[in-house]
PDB file of N, CA and C in Angstrom:
ATOM      1  N   MET A   1     -11.607  31.895  23.511  1.00  0.00           N
ATOM      2  CA  MET A   1     -11.989  30.780  22.041  1.00  0.00           C
ATOM      3  C   MET A   1     -10.960  30.057  22.255  1.00  0.00           C
ATOM      4  N   ALA A   2     -11.006  28.931  22.693  1.00  0.00           N
ATOM      5  CA  ALA A   2      -9.811  28.279  22.807  1.00  0.00           C
ATOM      6  C   ALA A   2      -9.263  27.861  21.601  1.00  0.00           C
ATOM      7  N   SER A   3      -7.942  27.529  21.802  1.00  0.00           N
ATOM      8  CA  SER A   3      -6.766  26.918  20.569  1.00  0.00           C
ATOM      9  C   SER A   3      -7.481  25.729  20.201  1.00  0.00           C
ATOM     10  N   ILE A   4      -6.574  25.841  18.898  1.00  0.00           N
ATOM     11  CA  ILE A   4      -7.175  24.803  17.774  1.00  0.00           C
ATOM     12  C   ILE A   4      -5.384  23.382  18.417  1.00  0.00           C
ATOM     13  N   PRO A   5      -5.474  22.892  18.794  1.00  0.00           N
ATOM     14  CA  PRO A   5      -4.783  21.665  19.715  1.00  0.00           C
ATOM     15  C   PRO A   5      -3.885  21.155  18.193  1.00  0.00           C
ATOM     16  N   ASN A   6      -2.371  20.982  17.496  1.00  0.00           N
ATOM     17  CA  ASN A   6      -1.329  20.778  16.665  1.00  0.00           C
ATOM     18  C   ASN A   6      -0.963  19.288  17.233  1.00  0.00           C
ATOM     19  N   TYR A   7      -0.716  18.808  16.492  1.00  0.00           N
ATOM     20  CA  TYR A   7      -0.126  16.742  16.274  1.00  0.00           C
ATOM     21  C   TYR A   7       0.466  16.511  15.023  1.00  0.00           C
ATOM     22  N   ALA A   8       1.627  16.541  15.807  1.00  0.00           N
ATOM     23  CA  ALA A   8       2.674  15.564  14.381  1.00  0.00           C
ATOM     24  C   ALA A   8       2.370  14.354  14.767  1.00  0.00           C
ATOM     25  N   VAL A   9       1.974  14.042  12.619  1.00  0.00           N
ATOM     26  CA  VAL A   9       1.596  12.685  13.586  1.00  0.00           C
ATOM     27  C   VAL A   9       2.860  11.944  12.365  1.00  0.00           C
ATOM     28  N   ASP A  10       3.121  10.815  12.807  1.00  0.00           N
ATOM     29  CA  ASP A  10       4.367   9.901  11.991  1.00  0.00           C
ATOM     30  C   ASP A  10       3.622   8.362  11.094  1.00  0.00           C
ATOM     31  N   ALA A  11       4.279   8.378  10.353  1.00  0.00           N
ATOM     32  CA  ALA A  11       4.254   7.077   9.335  1.00  0.00           C
ATOM     33  C   ALA A  11       2.648   6.176   9.983  1.00  0.00           C
ATOM     34  N   SER A  12       3.679   5.286  11.619  1.00  0.00           N
ATOM     35  CA  SER A  12       2.541   4.770  11.998  1.00  0.00           C
ATOM     36  C   SER A  12       1.309   4.809  12.550  1.00  0.00           C
ATOM     37  N   VAL A  13       1.344   6.311  12.843  1.00  0.00           N
ATOM     38  CA  VAL A  13      -0.411   6.570  12.776  1.00  0.00           C
ATOM     39  C   VAL A  13      -0.794   6.728  11.980  1.00  0.00           C
ATOM     40  N   ALA A  14      -0.593   7.530  10.732  1.00  0.00           N
ATOM     41  CA  ALA A  14      -0.871   7.412   9.472  1.00  0.00           C
ATOM     42  C   ALA A  14      -1.980   6.267   9.259  1.00  0.00           C
ATOM     43  N   SER A  15      -0.462   5.468   9.432  1.00  0.00           N
ATOM     44  CA  SER A  15      -0.908   4.401   8.186  1.00  0.00           C
ATOM     45  C   SER A  15      -1.883   3.289   8.538  1.00  0.00           C
ATOM     46  N   LYS A  16      -1.723   3.595  10.065  1.00  0.00           N
ATOM     47  CA  LYS A  16      -3.424   2.842  10.020  1.00  0.00           C
ATOM     48  C   LYS A  16      -5.012   3.602   9.680  1.00  0.00           C
ATOM     49  N   TRP A  17      -4.584   5.168   9.165  1.00  0.00           N
ATOM     50  CA  TRP A  17      -5.723   4.975   8.245  1.00  0.00           C
ATOM     51  C   TRP A  17      -6.135   4.158   7.024  1.00  0.00           C
ATOM     52  N   HIS A  18      -5.142   3.298   6.775  1.00  0.00           N
ATOM     53  CA  HIS A  18      -5.725   2.705   6.046  1.00  0.00           C
ATOM     54  C   HIS A  18      -5.380   1.162   6.116  1.00  0.00           C
ATOM     55  N   LEU A  19      -4.657   1.069   6.737  1.00  0.00           N
ATOM     56  CA  LEU A  19      -4.263  -0.988   7.588  1.00  0.00           C
ATOM     57  C   LEU A  19      -5.085  -1.091   8.734  1.00  0.00           C
ATOM     58  N   ARG A  20      -6.133  -1.548   8.337  1.00  0.00           N
ATOM     59  CA  ARG A  20      -7.316  -1.389   9.842  1.00  0.00           C
ATOM     60  C   ARG A  20      -7.049  -2.675  10.573  1.00  0.00           C
ATOM     61  N   ASP A  21      -6.243  -3.757  10.232  1.00  0.00           N
ATOM     62  CA  ASP A  21      -5.788  -4.172  11.496  1.00  0.00           C
ATOM     63  C   ASP A  21      -4.273  -4.302  12.292  1.00  0.00           C
ATOM     64  N   GLU A  22      -4.095  -2.696  12.450  1.00  0.00           N
ATOM     65  CA  GLU A  22      -3.082  -2.715  13.035  1.00  0.00           C
ATOM     66  C   GLU A  22      -3.319  -2.652  14.817  1.00  0.00           C
ATOM     67  N   GLN A  23      -2.316  -2.297  15.120  1.00  0.00           N
ATOM     68  CA  GLN A  23      -2.737  -1.803  16.908  1.00  0.00           C
ATOM     69  C   GLN A  23      -3.799  -0.722  16.513  1.00  0.00           C
ATOM     70  N   TYR A  24      -3.826   0.038  17.630  1.00  0.00           N
ATOM     71  CA  TYR A  24      -4.427   1.607  18.394  1.00  0.00           C
ATOM     72  C   TYR A  24      -5.076   2.132  16.540  1.00  0.00           C
ATOM     73  N   VAL A  25      -6.365   1.609  15.822  1.00  0.00           N
ATOM     74  CA  VAL A  25      -6.576   2.705  15.207  1.00  0.00           C
ATOM     75  C   VAL A  25      -7.240   2.983  15.525  1.00  0.00           C
ATOM     76  N   GLU A  26      -8.010   2.564  16.180  1.00  0.00           N
ATOM     77  CA  GLU A  26      -9.173   3.547  16.687  1.00  0.00           C
ATOM     78  C   GLU A  26      -8.713   4.938  17.488  1.00  0.00           C
ATOM     79  N   PRO A  27      -7.506   5.391  17.815  1.00  0.00           N
ATOM     80  CA  PRO A  27      -7.320   6.454  18.393  1.00  0.00           C
ATOM     81  C   PRO A  27      -6.719   6.880  17.190  1.00  0.00           C
ATOM     82  N   SER A  28      -5.627   6.082  15.981  1.00  0.00           N
ATOM     83  CA  SER A  28      -5.743   6.901  15.525  1.00  0.00           C
ATOM     84  C   SER A  28      -6.737   7.824  14.006  1.00  0.00           C
ATOM     85  N   MET A  29      -7.977   6.839  14.258  1.00  0.00           N
ATOM     86  CA  MET A  29      -8.759   7.290  13.443  1.00  0.00           C
ATOM     87  C   MET A  29      -9.693   8.428  13.960  1.00  0.00           C
ATOM     88  N   THR A  30     -10.131   8.356  15.437  1.00  0.00           N
ATOM     89  CA  THR A  30     -10.100   9.362  15.947  1.00  0.00           C
ATOM     90  C   THR A  30      -9.275  10.926  15.911  1.00  0.00           C
ATOM     91  N   LEU A  31      -8.323  10.897  15.248  1.00  0.00           N
ATOM     92  CA  LEU A  31      -7.499  11.619  15.381  1.00  0.00           C
ATOM     93  C   LEU A  31      -7.977  12.488  14.067  1.00  0.00           C
ATOM     94  N   LEU A  32      -7.714  11.232  12.663  1.00  0.00           N
ATOM     95  CA  LEU A  32      -8.567  12.152  11.197  1.00  0.00           C
ATOM     96  C   LEU A  32      -9.349  13.027  11.114  1.00  0.00           C
ATOM     97  N   LYS A  33     -10.220  11.717  12.659  1.00  0.00           N
ATOM     98  CA  LYS A  33     -11.990  12.903  12.191  1.00  0.00           C
ATOM     99  C   LYS A  33     -11.793  14.125  12.543  1.00  0.00           C
ATOM    100  N   GLU A  34     -11.287  14.114  14.035  1.00  0.00           N
ATOM    101  CA  GLU A  34     -10.833  16.082  14.470  1.00  0.00           C
ATOM    102  C   GLU A  34     -10.068  16.119  13.366  1.00  0.00           C
ATOM    103  N   PHE A  35      -9.059  16.321  12.238  1.00  0.00           N
ATOM    104  CA  PHE A  35      -8.595  17.138  11.748  1.00  0.00           C
ATOM    105  C   PHE A  35      -9.723  17.125  10.741  1.00  0.00           C
ATOM    106  N   ARG A  36     -10.455  16.638  10.285  1.00  0.00           N
ATOM    107  CA  ARG A  36     -11.036  16.595   9.622  1.00  0.00           C
ATOM    108  C   ARG A  36     -12.613  17.613   9.764  1.00  0.00           C
ATOM    109  N   GLU A  37     -12.362  17.922  11.114  1.00  0.00           N
ATOM    110  CA  GLU A  37     -14.000  18.469  11.439  1.00  0.00           C
ATOM    111  C   GLU A  37     -13.160  19.771  11.588  1.00  0.00           C
ATOM    112  N   GLY A  38     -11.962  20.248  11.154  1.00  0.00           N
ATOM    113  CA  GLY A  38     -11.112  21.127  12.436  1.00  0.00           C
ATOM    114  C   GLY A  38     -11.078  21.463  13.570  1.00  0.00           C
ATOM    115  N   ARG A  39     -10.859  20.933  14.654  1.00  0.00           N
ATOM    116  CA  ARG A  39     -10.983  19.933  15.679  1.00  0.00           C
ATOM    117  C   ARG A  39      -9.094  19.825  16.031  1.00  0.00           C
ATOM    118  N   ALA A  40      -8.395  19.923  15.086  1.00  0.00           N
ATOM    119  CA  ALA A  40      -7.280  19.413  15.157  1.00  0.00           C
ATOM    120  C   ALA A  40      -6.126  20.124  13.848  1.00  0.00           C
ATOM    121  N   TYR A  41      -5.212  20.528  14.094  1.00  0.00           N
ATOM    122  CA  TYR A  41      -4.291  20.853  13.000  1.00  0.00           C
ATOM    123  C   TYR A  41      -3.319  19.341  13.071  1.00  0.00           C
ATOM    124  N   LEU A  42      -2.495  19.343  11.811  1.00  0.00           N
ATOM    125  CA  LEU A  42      -2.027  17.608  11.588  1.00  0.00           C
ATOM    126  C   LEU A  42      -0.859  18.198  11.098  1.00  0.00           C
ATOM    127  N   THR A  43       0.371  17.771  11.387  1.00  0.00           N
ATOM    128  CA  THR A  43       1.880  18.355  11.006  1.00  0.00           C
ATOM    129  C   THR A  43       2.281  17.204  10.237  1.00  0.00           C
ATOM    130  N   ALA A  44       2.868  16.882   9.813  1.00  0.00           N
ATOM    131  CA  ALA A  44       3.840  15.819   9.324  1.00  0.00           C
ATOM    132  C   ALA A  44       5.267  15.158   8.472  1.00  0.00           C
ATOM    133  N   PRO A  45       6.447  14.811   9.023  1.00  0.00           N
ATOM    134  CA  PRO A  45       7.183  15.588   7.859  1.00  0.00           C
ATOM    135  C   PRO A  45       7.107  14.959   6.566  1.00  0.00           C
ATOM    136  N   ASP A  46       7.687  15.780   5.608  1.00  0.00           N
ATOM    137  CA  ASP A  46       7.702  15.601   3.973  1.00  0.00           C
ATOM    138  C   ASP A  46       7.826  14.076   3.932  1.00  0.00           C
ATOM    139  N   TYR A  47       8.701  12.947   4.206  1.00  0.00           N
ATOM    140  CA  TYR A  47       9.126  11.953   3.732  1.00  0.00           C
ATOM    141  C   TYR A  47       8.137  10.795   4.342  1.00  0.00           C
ATOM    142  N   ILE A  48       7.050  11.496   5.466  1.00  0.00           N
ATOM    143  CA  ILE A  48       6.200  10.709   5.555  1.00  0.00           C
ATOM    144  C   ILE A  48       4.695   9.754   4.276  1.00  0.00           C
ATOM    145  N   LEU A  49       4.930  10.333   3.570  1.00  0.00           N
ATOM    146  CA  LEU A  49       4.499   9.918   1.952  1.00  0.00           C
ATOM    147  C   LEU A  49       5.214   8.824   1.133  1.00  0.00           C
ATOM    148  N   HIS A  50       6.064   9.108   1.932  1.00  0.00           N
ATOM    149  CA  HIS A  50       6.688   7.515   0.866  1.00  0.00           C
ATOM    150  C   HIS A  50       7.111   6.797   2.482  1.00  0.00           C
ATOM    151  N   GLU A  51       6.800   6.704   3.099  1.00  0.00           N
ATOM    152  CA  GLU A  51       6.947   5.691   4.527  1.00  0.00           C
ATOM    153  C   GLU A  51       5.893   5.235   4.515  1.00  0.00           C
ATOM    154  N   VAL A  52       4.617   5.654   4.747  1.00  0.00           N
ATOM    155  CA  VAL A  52       2.858   5.573   4.557  1.00  0.00           C
ATOM    156  C   VAL A  52       3.023   4.801   3.149  1.00  0.00           C
ATOM    157  N   ALA A  53       3.209   5.217   1.959  1.00  0.00           N
ATOM    158  CA  ALA A  53       3.015   4.976   0.915  1.00  0.00           C
ATOM    159  C   ALA A  53       3.178   3.247   0.663  1.00  0.00           C
ATOM    160  N   ASN A  54       4.939   3.310   1.132  1.00  0.00           N
ATOM    161  CA  ASN A  54       5.918   1.501   0.748  1.00  0.00           C
ATOM    162  C   ASN A  54       5.525   1.051   2.402  1.00  0.00           C
ATOM    163  N   ALA A  55       4.414   1.812   3.546  1.00  0.00           N
ATOM    164  CA  ALA A  55       3.578   0.379   4.402  1.00  0.00           C
ATOM    165  C   ALA A  55       2.328  -0.030   4.034  1.00  0.00           C
ATOM    166  N   ILE A  56       1.766   0.709   2.910  1.00  0.00           N
ATOM    167  CA  ILE A  56       0.698   0.163   2.398  1.00  0.00           C
ATOM    168  C   ILE A  56       1.072  -1.033   1.212  1.00  0.00           C
ATOM    169  N   LEU A  57       1.538  -0.843   0.889  1.00  0.00           N
ATOM    170  CA  LEU A  57       2.528  -1.290  -0.776  1.00  0.00           C
ATOM    171  C   LEU A  57       2.637  -3.237  -0.428  1.00  0.00           C
ATOM    172  N   LYS A  58       3.635  -3.332   0.663  1.00  0.00           N
ATOM    173  CA  LYS A  58       4.335  -3.680   1.757  1.00  0.00           C
ATOM    174  C   LYS A  58       2.834  -4.874   2.510  1.00  0.00           C
ATOM    175  N   ALA A  59       1.901  -4.578   2.277  1.00  0.00           N
ATOM    176  CA  ALA A  59       0.789  -4.914   3.152  1.00  0.00           C
ATOM    177  C   ALA A  59      -0.230  -5.582   1.941  1.00  0.00           C
ATOM    178  N   SER A  60       0.003  -5.021   0.593  1.00  0.00           N
ATOM    179  CA  SER A  60      -0.648  -5.725  -0.270  1.00  0.00           C
ATOM    180  C   SER A  60       0.184  -6.737  -0.617  1.00  0.00           C
ATOM    181  N   ARG A  61       1.459  -6.530  -0.437  1.00  0.00           N
ATOM    182  CA  ARG A  61       2.363  -8.196  -1.313  1.00  0.00           C
ATOM    183  C   ARG A  61       2.417  -9.698  -0.738  1.00  0.00           C
ATOM    184  N   ARG A  62       2.092 -10.873  -1.226  1.00  0.00           N
ATOM    185  CA  ARG A  62       2.422 -11.600  -0.852  1.00  0.00           C
ATOM    186  C   ARG A  62       3.720 -12.382  -0.172  1.00  0.00           C
ATOM    187  N   SER A  63       3.636 -12.417   1.133  1.00  0.00           N
ATOM    188  CA  SER A  63       4.351 -13.208   2.090  1.00  0.00           C
ATOM    189  C   SER A  63       4.111 -14.140   2.515  1.00  0.00           C
ATOM    190  N   SER A  64       4.677 -14.881   3.588  1.00  0.00           N
ATOM    191  CA  SER A  64       4.784 -16.109   4.167  1.00  0.00           C
ATOM    192  C   SER A  64       3.771 -15.868   4.593  1.00  0.00           C
ATOM    193  N   ARG A  65       2.575 -15.092   5.364  1.00  0.00           N
ATOM    194  CA  ARG A  65       1.637 -15.398   5.712  1.00  0.00           C
ATOM    195  C   ARG A  65       0.347 -15.065   4.215  1.00  0.00           C
ATOM    196  N   GLU A  66      -0.710 -14.676   5.167  1.00  0.00           N
ATOM    197  CA  GLU A  66      -1.411 -14.376   3.756  1.00  0.00           C
ATOM    198  C   GLU A  66      -1.386 -12.871   3.645  1.00  0.00           C
ATOM    199  N   HIS A  67      -1.760 -12.159   2.478  1.00  0.00           N
ATOM    200  CA  HIS A  67      -1.557 -10.848   2.518  1.00  0.00           C
ATOM    201  C   HIS A  67      -3.290  -9.580   3.641  1.00  0.00           C
ATOM    202  N   ARG A  68      -2.765  -9.240   2.926  1.00  0.00           N
ATOM    203  CA  ARG A  68      -3.551  -8.219   3.966  1.00  0.00           C
ATOM    204  C   ARG A  68      -4.571  -6.978   2.848  1.00  0.00           C
ATOM    205  N   MET A  69      -4.332  -7.592   1.795  1.00  0.00           N
ATOM    206  CA  MET A  69      -5.395  -6.567   1.009  1.00  0.00           C
ATOM    207  C   MET A  69      -5.080  -6.920   0.055  1.00  0.00           C
ATOM    208  N   SER A  70      -5.323  -6.862  -1.288  1.00  0.00           N
ATOM    209  CA  SER A  70      -4.988  -7.284  -2.369  1.00  0.00           C
ATOM    210  C   SER A  70      -4.389  -5.520  -3.139  1.00  0.00           C
ATOM    211  N   PHE A  71      -3.432  -6.401  -4.270  1.00  0.00           N
ATOM    212  CA  PHE A  71      -2.831  -5.093  -5.085  1.00  0.00           C
ATOM    213  C   PHE A  71      -3.568  -3.644  -5.200  1.00  0.00           C
ATOM    214  N   GLU A  72      -5.389  -4.344  -5.838  1.00  0.00           N
ATOM    215  CA  GLU A  72      -5.388  -3.216  -6.123  1.00  0.00           C
ATOM    216  C   GLU A  72      -6.411  -1.889  -4.706  1.00  0.00           C
ATOM    217  N   VAL A  73      -6.461  -2.753  -4.058  1.00  0.00           N
ATOM    218  CA  VAL A  73      -7.056  -2.161  -2.859  1.00  0.00           C
ATOM    219  C   VAL A  73      -5.742  -1.588  -2.187  1.00  0.00           C
ATOM    220  N   GLY A  74      -4.319  -1.824  -2.657  1.00  0.00           N
ATOM    221  CA  GLY A  74      -2.993  -1.364  -1.681  1.00  0.00           C
ATOM    222  C   GLY A  74      -3.047   0.134  -2.448  1.00  0.00           C
ATOM    223  N   ARG A  75      -3.341  -0.430  -4.164  1.00  0.00           N
ATOM    224  CA  ARG A  75      -3.228   0.440  -5.129  1.00  0.00           C
ATOM    225  C   ARG A  75      -3.850   2.467  -4.660  1.00  0.00           C
ATOM    226  N   ARG A  76      -4.918   1.653  -4.752  1.00  0.00           N
ATOM    227  CA  ARG A  76      -6.251   3.339  -4.266  1.00  0.00           C
ATOM    228  C   ARG A  76      -6.610   3.741  -3.002  1.00  0.00           C
ATOM    229  N   ALA A  77      -5.873   2.899  -2.067  1.00  0.00           N
ATOM    230  CA  ALA A  77      -5.210   3.266  -0.870  1.00  0.00           C
ATOM    231  C   ALA A  77      -3.992   4.309  -0.995  1.00  0.00           C
ATOM    232  N   VAL A  78      -3.087   4.047  -2.201  1.00  0.00           N
ATOM    233  CA  VAL A  78      -1.964   5.305  -1.766  1.00  0.00           C
ATOM    234  C   VAL A  78      -3.218   5.606  -2.727  1.00  0.00           C
ATOM    235  N   GLU A  79      -3.281   5.976  -3.211  1.00  0.00           N
ATOM    236  CA  GLU A  79      -3.940   6.838  -4.025  1.00  0.00           C
ATOM    237  C   GLU A  79      -4.657   8.180  -2.819  1.00  0.00           C
ATOM    238  N   VAL A  80      -5.180   7.235  -1.940  1.00  0.00           N
ATOM    239  CA  VAL A  80      -6.528   8.276  -1.454  1.00  0.00           C
ATOM    240  C   VAL A  80      -4.868   9.175  -0.491  1.00  0.00           C
ATOM    241  N   PHE A  81      -4.527   8.606   0.098  1.00  0.00           N
ATOM    242  CA  PHE A  81      -3.335   8.937   0.970  1.00  0.00           C
ATOM    243  C   PHE A  81      -2.309   9.840   0.426  1.00  0.00           C
ATOM    244  N   LEU A  82      -2.220  10.390  -0.293  1.00  0.00           N
ATOM    245  CA  LEU A  82      -1.551  11.092  -1.469  1.00  0.00           C
ATOM    246  C   LEU A  82      -2.404  12.667  -1.598  1.00  0.00           C
ATOM    247  N   ARG A  83      -4.168  12.068  -1.911  1.00  0.00           N
ATOM    248  CA  ARG A  83      -3.865  13.072  -2.080  1.00  0.00           C
ATOM    249  C   ARG A  83      -4.315  13.818  -1.306  1.00  0.00           C
TER     250      ARG A  83
END
């Protein structure tokens, strides 16, 4: 029986699960799907919770360019990620 691979995930990968306009979203989503199907283990440092929440909330704030998502969508994305 083959062993299940274990990947260390950082915030740049995990952020792509919610910020779909980033580069390399498809490989990050594939990794998440493998995890959900039990075909991969994912590990991450505890501070990933803060980093991903910050990236999502930054994307929902107004800036010089149009914001990438509404604040409400960003808030829900943070809730989903923290679960």
